[in-house]
C-alpha cells in the first residue's frame, strides 16, 4: 500500500471524506505518529505490509488524537496497540 492510499484509508475509517490536501496531511501526520507509538512499544507496523487489524488500530489512535484535547488514547486503542506490541494482530 502506498502512503497516499494509507492516509485515505485511515481518513475514511474515521469518517473524513475530504480530499483537501491539508486535511489529509494532518491525518497522515497523526497516523504516522500512531505507528511510531505502536512500534516504539515493540510493534512492527509498516505502511507497505499493514494488515486490516493494524489499519483499524492506527485509525482508532488517529481518531483519538484528532478529537481529544489532551494527548491521551482511548482504552480501546490501548488494548489493540498492546496486542500489536506483543506480536498479535498479524492474521489480516
N, C-alpha and C. Protein backbone atom coordinates (compact mmCIF):
# COMPACT_ATOMS: atom_id res chain seq x y z
N UNK A 1 0.85 -1.17 0.00
CA UNK A 1 0.00 0.00 0.00
C UNK A 1 0.90 1.24 0.00
N UNK A 2 0.52 2.22 -0.79
CA UNK A 2 1.29 3.47 -0.81
C UNK A 2 0.89 4.35 0.38
N UNK A 3 1.68 5.36 0.65
CA UNK A 3 1.37 6.27 1.74
C UNK A 3 0.06 7.01 1.48
N UNK A 4 -0.18 7.42 0.23
CA UNK A 4 -1.43 8.12 -0.10
C UNK A 4 -2.64 7.22 0.13
N UNK A 5 -2.54 5.97 -0.29
CA UNK A 5 -3.63 5.02 -0.07
C UNK A 5 -3.87 4.81 1.42
N UNK A 6 -2.78 4.69 2.16
CA UNK A 6 -2.86 4.50 3.61
C UNK A 6 -3.59 5.67 4.27
N UNK A 7 -3.19 6.88 3.93
CA UNK A 7 -3.81 8.07 4.54
C UNK A 7 -5.29 8.14 4.18
N UNK A 8 -5.64 7.85 2.94
CA UNK A 8 -7.04 7.90 2.53
C UNK A 8 -7.86 6.81 3.24
N UNK A 9 -7.28 5.65 3.46
CA UNK A 9 -7.99 4.59 4.18
C UNK A 9 -8.19 4.97 5.64
N UNK A 10 -7.16 5.52 6.27
CA UNK A 10 -7.31 5.96 7.67
C UNK A 10 -8.38 7.04 7.74
N UNK A 11 -8.31 8.03 6.86
CA UNK A 11 -9.30 9.11 6.85
C UNK A 11 -10.71 8.54 6.66
N UNK A 12 -10.87 7.63 5.74
CA UNK A 12 -12.17 7.02 5.51
C UNK A 12 -12.67 6.23 6.71
N UNK A 13 -11.77 5.54 7.37
CA UNK A 13 -12.14 4.76 8.55
C UNK A 13 -12.66 5.64 9.69
N UNK A 14 -12.15 6.87 9.76
CA UNK A 14 -12.58 7.74 10.86
C UNK A 14 -13.63 8.76 10.41
N UNK A 15 -14.17 8.57 9.19
CA UNK A 15 -15.28 9.39 8.73
C UNK A 15 -14.91 10.68 8.05
N UNK A 16 -13.66 10.85 7.67
CA UNK A 16 -13.25 12.06 6.95
C UNK A 16 -13.30 11.75 5.46
N UNK A 17 -14.14 12.46 4.75
CA UNK A 17 -14.32 12.20 3.33
C UNK A 17 -13.75 13.32 2.45
N UNK A 18 -13.04 14.24 3.05
CA UNK A 18 -12.46 15.37 2.33
C UNK A 18 -11.26 14.94 1.50
N UNK A 19 -11.10 15.57 0.33
CA UNK A 19 -9.90 15.38 -0.48
C UNK A 19 -8.95 16.56 -0.33
N UNK A 20 -9.23 17.43 0.63
CA UNK A 20 -8.39 18.60 0.88
C UNK A 20 -7.00 18.13 1.30
N UNK A 21 -5.96 18.56 0.59
CA UNK A 21 -4.60 18.12 0.90
C UNK A 21 -4.15 18.47 2.33
N UNK A 22 -4.62 19.61 2.85
CA UNK A 22 -4.25 19.99 4.21
C UNK A 22 -4.87 19.07 5.24
N UNK A 23 -6.12 18.69 5.02
CA UNK A 23 -6.80 17.77 5.93
C UNK A 23 -6.12 16.41 5.90
N UNK A 24 -5.85 15.92 4.69
CA UNK A 24 -5.20 14.62 4.56
C UNK A 24 -3.78 14.63 5.14
N UNK A 25 -3.10 15.77 5.01
CA UNK A 25 -1.75 15.88 5.59
C UNK A 25 -1.82 15.78 7.11
N UNK A 26 -2.81 16.42 7.73
CA UNK A 26 -2.97 16.34 9.18
C UNK A 26 -3.29 14.92 9.63
N UNK A 27 -4.15 14.24 8.89
CA UNK A 27 -4.47 12.84 9.20
C UNK A 27 -3.21 11.99 9.06
N UNK A 28 -2.45 12.20 7.98
CA UNK A 28 -1.24 11.43 7.73
C UNK A 28 -0.19 11.62 8.81
N UNK A 29 0.01 12.85 9.24
CA UNK A 29 0.99 13.13 10.30
C UNK A 29 0.61 12.40 11.58
N UNK A 30 -0.65 12.48 11.93
CA UNK A 30 -1.10 11.82 13.16
C UNK A 30 -1.05 10.30 13.04
N UNK A 31 -1.42 9.78 11.87
CA UNK A 31 -1.38 8.33 11.67
C UNK A 31 0.05 7.80 11.76
N UNK A 32 1.00 8.53 11.20
CA UNK A 32 2.40 8.12 11.30
C UNK A 32 2.88 8.19 12.75
N UNK A 33 2.39 9.17 13.49
CA UNK A 33 2.72 9.25 14.91
C UNK A 33 2.18 8.06 15.68
N UNK A 34 0.99 7.62 15.34
CA UNK A 34 0.39 6.44 15.98
C UNK A 34 1.23 5.19 15.66
N UNK A 35 1.65 5.06 14.41
CA UNK A 35 2.51 3.93 14.05
C UNK A 35 3.81 3.99 14.85
N UNK A 36 4.35 5.18 15.01
CA UNK A 36 5.57 5.34 15.81
C UNK A 36 5.35 4.92 17.26
N UNK A 37 4.19 5.25 17.81
CA UNK A 37 3.87 4.86 19.19
C UNK A 37 3.81 3.33 19.30
N UNK A 38 3.11 2.70 18.36
CA UNK A 38 2.98 1.24 18.39
C UNK A 38 4.34 0.58 18.24
N UNK A 39 5.12 1.04 17.27
CA UNK A 39 6.43 0.44 17.03
C UNK A 39 7.41 0.73 18.15
N UNK A 40 7.27 1.88 18.78
CA UNK A 40 8.14 2.21 19.91
C UNK A 40 7.93 1.28 21.09
N UNK A 41 6.76 0.68 21.16
CA UNK A 41 6.45 -0.26 22.24
C UNK A 41 6.70 -1.71 21.86
N UNK A 42 7.31 -1.93 20.70
CA UNK A 42 7.64 -3.29 20.30
C UNK A 42 6.88 -3.81 19.10
N UNK A 43 5.98 -3.01 18.54
CA UNK A 43 5.23 -3.44 17.36
C UNK A 43 6.08 -3.39 16.11
N UNK A 44 5.53 -3.88 15.02
CA UNK A 44 6.23 -3.88 13.74
C UNK A 44 5.25 -3.54 12.63
N UNK A 45 4.66 -2.37 12.72
CA UNK A 45 3.67 -1.93 11.73
C UNK A 45 4.38 -1.13 10.65
N UNK A 46 4.16 -1.50 9.40
CA UNK A 46 4.68 -0.74 8.27
C UNK A 46 3.53 -0.47 7.31
N UNK A 47 3.59 0.65 6.65
CA UNK A 47 2.54 1.01 5.70
C UNK A 47 2.49 0.00 4.55
N UNK A 48 3.63 -0.45 4.11
CA UNK A 48 3.70 -1.35 2.96
C UNK A 48 3.03 -2.69 3.23
N UNK A 49 3.09 -3.18 4.48
CA UNK A 49 2.57 -4.52 4.79
C UNK A 49 1.48 -4.49 5.86
N UNK A 50 0.81 -3.37 6.01
CA UNK A 50 -0.18 -3.22 7.08
C UNK A 50 -1.36 -4.18 6.90
N UNK A 51 -1.77 -4.81 8.00
CA UNK A 51 -2.92 -5.71 7.97
C UNK A 51 -4.19 -4.91 8.27
N UNK A 52 -5.33 -5.54 8.07
CA UNK A 52 -6.60 -4.87 8.39
C UNK A 52 -6.66 -4.50 9.86
N UNK A 53 -6.23 -5.40 10.73
CA UNK A 53 -6.26 -5.13 12.18
C UNK A 53 -5.36 -3.95 12.51
N UNK A 54 -4.16 -3.93 11.94
CA UNK A 54 -3.24 -2.81 12.19
C UNK A 54 -3.82 -1.50 11.68
N UNK A 55 -4.44 -1.55 10.50
CA UNK A 55 -5.05 -0.34 9.93
C UNK A 55 -6.17 0.18 10.83
N UNK A 56 -6.99 -0.72 11.34
CA UNK A 56 -8.06 -0.29 12.24
C UNK A 56 -7.49 0.28 13.54
N UNK A 57 -6.44 -0.32 14.04
CA UNK A 57 -5.81 0.18 15.26
C UNK A 57 -5.24 1.58 15.03
N UNK A 58 -4.53 1.77 13.93
CA UNK A 58 -3.96 3.09 13.61
C UNK A 58 -5.08 4.10 13.40
N UNK A 59 -6.16 3.69 12.76
CA UNK A 59 -7.29 4.60 12.54
C UNK A 59 -7.91 5.03 13.86
N UNK A 60 -8.07 4.09 14.78
CA UNK A 60 -8.64 4.42 16.09
C UNK A 60 -7.73 5.37 16.85
N UNK A 61 -6.44 5.11 16.84
CA UNK A 61 -5.50 6.00 17.51
C UNK A 61 -5.48 7.39 16.89
N UNK A 62 -5.58 7.44 15.58
CA UNK A 62 -5.61 8.74 14.88
C UNK A 62 -6.87 9.51 15.25
N UNK A 63 -7.99 8.84 15.29
CA UNK A 63 -9.25 9.49 15.69
C UNK A 63 -9.14 10.01 17.12
N UNK A 64 -8.52 9.23 18.01
CA UNK A 64 -8.34 9.68 19.40
C UNK A 64 -7.57 10.99 19.44
N UNK A 65 -6.50 11.07 18.68
CA UNK A 65 -5.67 12.28 18.67
C UNK A 65 -6.44 13.47 18.10
N UNK A 66 -7.22 13.23 17.05
CA UNK A 66 -7.94 14.33 16.40
C UNK A 66 -9.07 14.89 17.26
N UNK A 67 -9.71 14.06 18.09
CA UNK A 67 -10.87 14.54 18.83
C UNK A 67 -10.58 14.95 20.26
N UNK A 68 -9.52 14.50 20.83
CA UNK A 68 -9.27 14.81 22.23
C UNK A 68 -8.34 16.00 22.36
N UNK A 69 -8.60 16.80 23.38
CA UNK A 69 -7.77 17.97 23.63
C UNK A 69 -6.47 17.57 24.33
N UNK A 70 -6.52 16.52 25.11
CA UNK A 70 -5.33 16.03 25.79
C UNK A 70 -4.71 14.91 24.95
N UNK A 71 -3.40 14.78 25.00
CA UNK A 71 -2.77 13.70 24.22
C UNK A 71 -2.94 12.34 24.90
N UNK A 72 -4.17 11.85 24.88
CA UNK A 72 -4.46 10.56 25.50
C UNK A 72 -5.16 9.67 24.48
N UNK A 73 -4.86 8.40 24.59
CA UNK A 73 -5.53 7.43 23.73
C UNK A 73 -6.68 6.78 24.50
N UNK A 74 -7.66 6.28 23.76
CA UNK A 74 -8.80 5.61 24.37
C UNK A 74 -8.38 4.22 24.86
N UNK A 75 -9.13 3.67 25.82
CA UNK A 75 -8.83 2.31 26.28
C UNK A 75 -8.90 1.28 25.15
N UNK A 76 -9.80 1.47 24.20
CA UNK A 76 -9.91 0.54 23.07
C UNK A 76 -8.64 0.53 22.23
N UNK A 77 -8.13 1.73 21.94
CA UNK A 77 -6.88 1.80 21.18
C UNK A 77 -5.74 1.17 21.96
N UNK A 78 -5.67 1.48 23.24
CA UNK A 78 -4.57 0.95 24.06
C UNK A 78 -4.58 -0.58 24.06
N UNK A 79 -5.76 -1.19 24.12
CA UNK A 79 -5.85 -2.65 24.10
C UNK A 79 -5.38 -3.21 22.76
N UNK A 80 -5.82 -2.57 21.66
CA UNK A 80 -5.39 -3.04 20.34
C UNK A 80 -3.89 -2.84 20.14
N UNK A 81 -3.39 -1.69 20.55
CA UNK A 81 -1.96 -1.40 20.40
C UNK A 81 -1.12 -2.38 21.20
N UNK A 82 -1.59 -2.73 22.39
CA UNK A 82 -0.84 -3.68 23.21
C UNK A 82 -0.75 -5.03 22.51
N UNK A 83 -1.82 -5.44 21.85
CA UNK A 83 -1.79 -6.70 21.10
C UNK A 83 -0.71 -6.66 20.02
N UNK A 84 -0.63 -5.53 19.33
CA UNK A 84 0.39 -5.40 18.27
C UNK A 84 1.78 -5.35 18.86
N UNK A 85 1.93 -4.68 19.99
CA UNK A 85 3.23 -4.58 20.63
C UNK A 85 3.70 -5.93 21.16
N UNK A 86 2.76 -6.81 21.45
CA UNK A 86 3.11 -8.13 21.97
C UNK A 86 3.16 -9.19 20.86
N UNK A 87 2.98 -8.75 19.61
CA UNK A 87 3.12 -9.67 18.48
C UNK A 87 1.85 -10.20 17.90
N UNK A 88 0.68 -9.74 18.37
CA UNK A 88 -0.59 -10.22 17.83
C UNK A 88 -1.05 -9.37 16.67
N UNK A 89 -2.21 -9.68 16.12
CA UNK A 89 -2.82 -8.85 15.08
C UNK A 89 -2.26 -9.05 13.69
N UNK A 90 -1.50 -10.11 13.45
CA UNK A 90 -0.91 -10.32 12.13
C UNK A 90 -1.70 -11.30 11.27
N UNK A 91 -2.94 -11.53 11.62
CA UNK A 91 -3.74 -12.51 10.88
C UNK A 91 -4.56 -11.88 9.76
N UNK A 92 -4.31 -10.60 9.45
CA UNK A 92 -5.01 -9.97 8.33
C UNK A 92 -6.32 -9.44 8.70
